[in-house]
Amino acid sequence: MIDQHMLESPAPKLPIRFRRDLQYNAGNRCSQLLSRNMEHRVLDDVAPTSVGHLIAYGNCTASELIRQVTTDGTSVLAVADLLDQLYAAGMIEEDLDDSFAWQTGSPVTALSSGSG
């Protein structure tokens, strides 16, 4: 049953974003995701552009994000691997039903003032 309904990686045609219960805080080459009871640190050093920052905004698909981040020659495989790791760890939103978007507010308010 689980194998039939769960994707192994982010859906290719849907926006990629962090779970709505996680607060994203940008850092220098390392991002922090805070849930109610846990703190997750994500090494975000595969590209000069912060992958976490782009995911936090949630306005592009995984393939669009990879294209944006790899324009300077960054390894496509490294970025795809980071996305797969985040997805496998349960950090990426799977239910993209925006009817509950009011619960988390604007993605901009979820971003810290730190640079990524």
Protein backbone atom coordinates (compact mmCIF):
# COMPACT_ATOMS: atom_id res chain seq x y z
CA MET A 1 0.00 0.00 0.00
CA ILE A 2 2.73 2.49 0.97
CA ASP A 3 4.75 1.66 -2.15
CA GLN A 4 1.72 2.45 -4.31
CA HIS A 5 1.03 5.87 -2.79
CA MET A 6 4.35 7.29 -1.66
CA LEU A 7 6.78 8.79 -4.13
CA GLU A 8 10.47 8.00 -3.79
CA SER A 9 11.43 11.58 -4.64
CA PRO A 10 9.69 14.96 -4.93
CA ALA A 11 6.93 15.09 -7.52
CA PRO A 12 8.45 16.47 -10.72
CA LYS A 13 5.57 18.77 -11.69
CA LEU A 14 4.65 20.16 -8.27
CA PRO A 15 6.38 22.93 -6.29
CA ILE A 16 9.01 21.77 -3.84
CA ARG A 17 8.87 23.25 -0.36
CA PHE A 18 9.59 22.37 3.25
CA ARG A 19 6.83 20.88 5.37
CA ARG A 20 4.55 23.59 6.66
CA ASP A 21 5.27 22.67 10.29
CA LEU A 22 9.00 23.42 9.85
CA GLN A 23 10.39 26.90 10.34
CA TYR A 24 13.32 27.58 8.01
CA ASN A 25 16.25 29.65 9.25
CA ALA A 26 18.98 30.47 6.77
CA GLY A 27 22.58 30.22 7.82
CA ASN A 28 25.99 30.39 6.26
CA ARG A 29 26.25 27.16 4.25
CA CYS A 30 23.99 25.43 6.78
CA SER A 31 20.24 25.82 7.23
CA GLN A 32 18.15 25.10 10.26
CA LEU A 33 14.67 23.63 10.23
CA LEU A 34 12.75 23.83 13.48
CA SER A 35 9.72 21.77 14.32
CA ARG A 36 7.84 21.79 17.56
CA ASN A 37 10.18 19.28 19.22
CA MET A 38 13.20 18.95 16.95
CA GLU A 39 15.95 20.98 15.37
CA HIS A 40 17.30 19.79 12.05
CA ARG A 41 20.51 21.13 10.55
CA VAL A 42 20.94 20.85 6.81
CA LEU A 43 24.33 21.29 5.19
CA ASP A 44 23.60 23.58 2.23
CA ASP A 45 26.98 23.78 0.53
CA VAL A 46 26.48 21.95 -2.77
CA ALA A 47 26.13 25.22 -4.72
CA PRO A 48 26.87 28.93 -4.34
CA THR A 49 23.10 29.55 -4.31
CA SER A 50 21.27 28.30 -1.21
CA VAL A 51 19.09 25.34 -2.09
CA GLY A 52 17.29 25.70 1.25
CA HIS A 53 16.35 29.30 0.49
CA LEU A 54 14.76 28.29 -2.82
CA ILE A 55 12.87 25.43 -1.18
CA ALA A 56 11.64 27.76 1.58
CA TYR A 57 10.05 30.06 -1.01
CA GLY A 58 8.34 27.04 -2.57
CA ASN A 59 7.67 28.64 -5.93
CA CYS A 60 9.49 26.23 -8.26
CA THR A 61 9.51 22.53 -9.01
CA ALA A 62 12.49 20.34 -8.16
CA SER A 63 13.66 20.38 -11.78
CA GLU A 64 13.34 24.19 -12.00
CA LEU A 65 15.27 24.51 -8.75
CA ILE A 66 18.04 22.26 -10.08
CA ARG A 67 18.22 24.33 -13.29
CA GLN A 68 18.48 27.60 -11.31
CA VAL A 69 21.18 26.32 -8.99
CA THR A 70 23.34 24.62 -11.60
CA THR A 71 23.71 27.49 -14.09
CA ASP A 72 27.26 28.14 -12.84
CA GLY A 73 28.49 24.59 -13.41
CA THR A 74 27.43 23.14 -10.06
CA SER A 75 26.89 19.39 -10.25
CA VAL A 76 23.32 18.47 -11.12
CA LEU A 77 23.78 15.17 -9.32
CA ALA A 78 24.91 16.89 -6.09
CA VAL A 79 21.84 19.13 -6.03
CA ALA A 80 19.48 16.27 -6.92
CA ASP A 81 21.08 14.16 -4.20
CA LEU A 82 20.52 16.90 -1.60
CA LEU A 83 16.85 17.14 -2.62
CA ASP A 84 16.47 13.37 -2.41
CA GLN A 85 18.09 13.33 1.04
CA LEU A 86 15.74 16.06 2.30
CA TYR A 87 12.77 14.21 0.87
CA ALA A 88 13.83 10.86 2.33
CA ALA A 89 14.32 12.53 5.73
CA GLY A 90 10.74 13.81 5.60
CA MET A 91 11.61 17.51 5.35
CA ILE A 92 9.81 18.15 2.05
CA GLU A 93 6.06 18.74 1.94
CA GLU A 94 4.20 15.87 0.32
CA ASP A 95 0.67 17.23 0.68
CA LEU A 96 0.57 20.35 -1.44
CA ASP A 97 -3.04 21.18 -0.62
CA ASP A 98 -2.94 24.98 -0.30
CA SER A 99 -6.26 25.14 1.52
CA PHE A 100 -4.23 25.19 4.76
CA ALA A 101 -1.64 27.74 3.61
CA TRP A 102 -2.94 30.28 6.15
CA GLN A 103 -1.50 28.14 8.95
CA THR A 104 2.08 29.00 8.10
CA GLY A 105 1.71 32.46 6.62
CA SER A 106 3.82 33.80 3.81
CA PRO A 107 7.05 31.94 2.98
CA VAL A 108 8.88 35.23 3.36
CA THR A 109 7.91 35.42 7.04
CA ALA A 110 9.36 31.94 7.57
CA LEU A 111 12.78 33.06 6.37
CA SER A 112 15.32 34.38 8.80
CA SER A 113 17.20 37.58 8.16
CA GLY A 114 20.47 35.63 7.83
CA SER A 115 22.03 35.15 4.44
CA GLY A 116 22.16 31.70 2.90
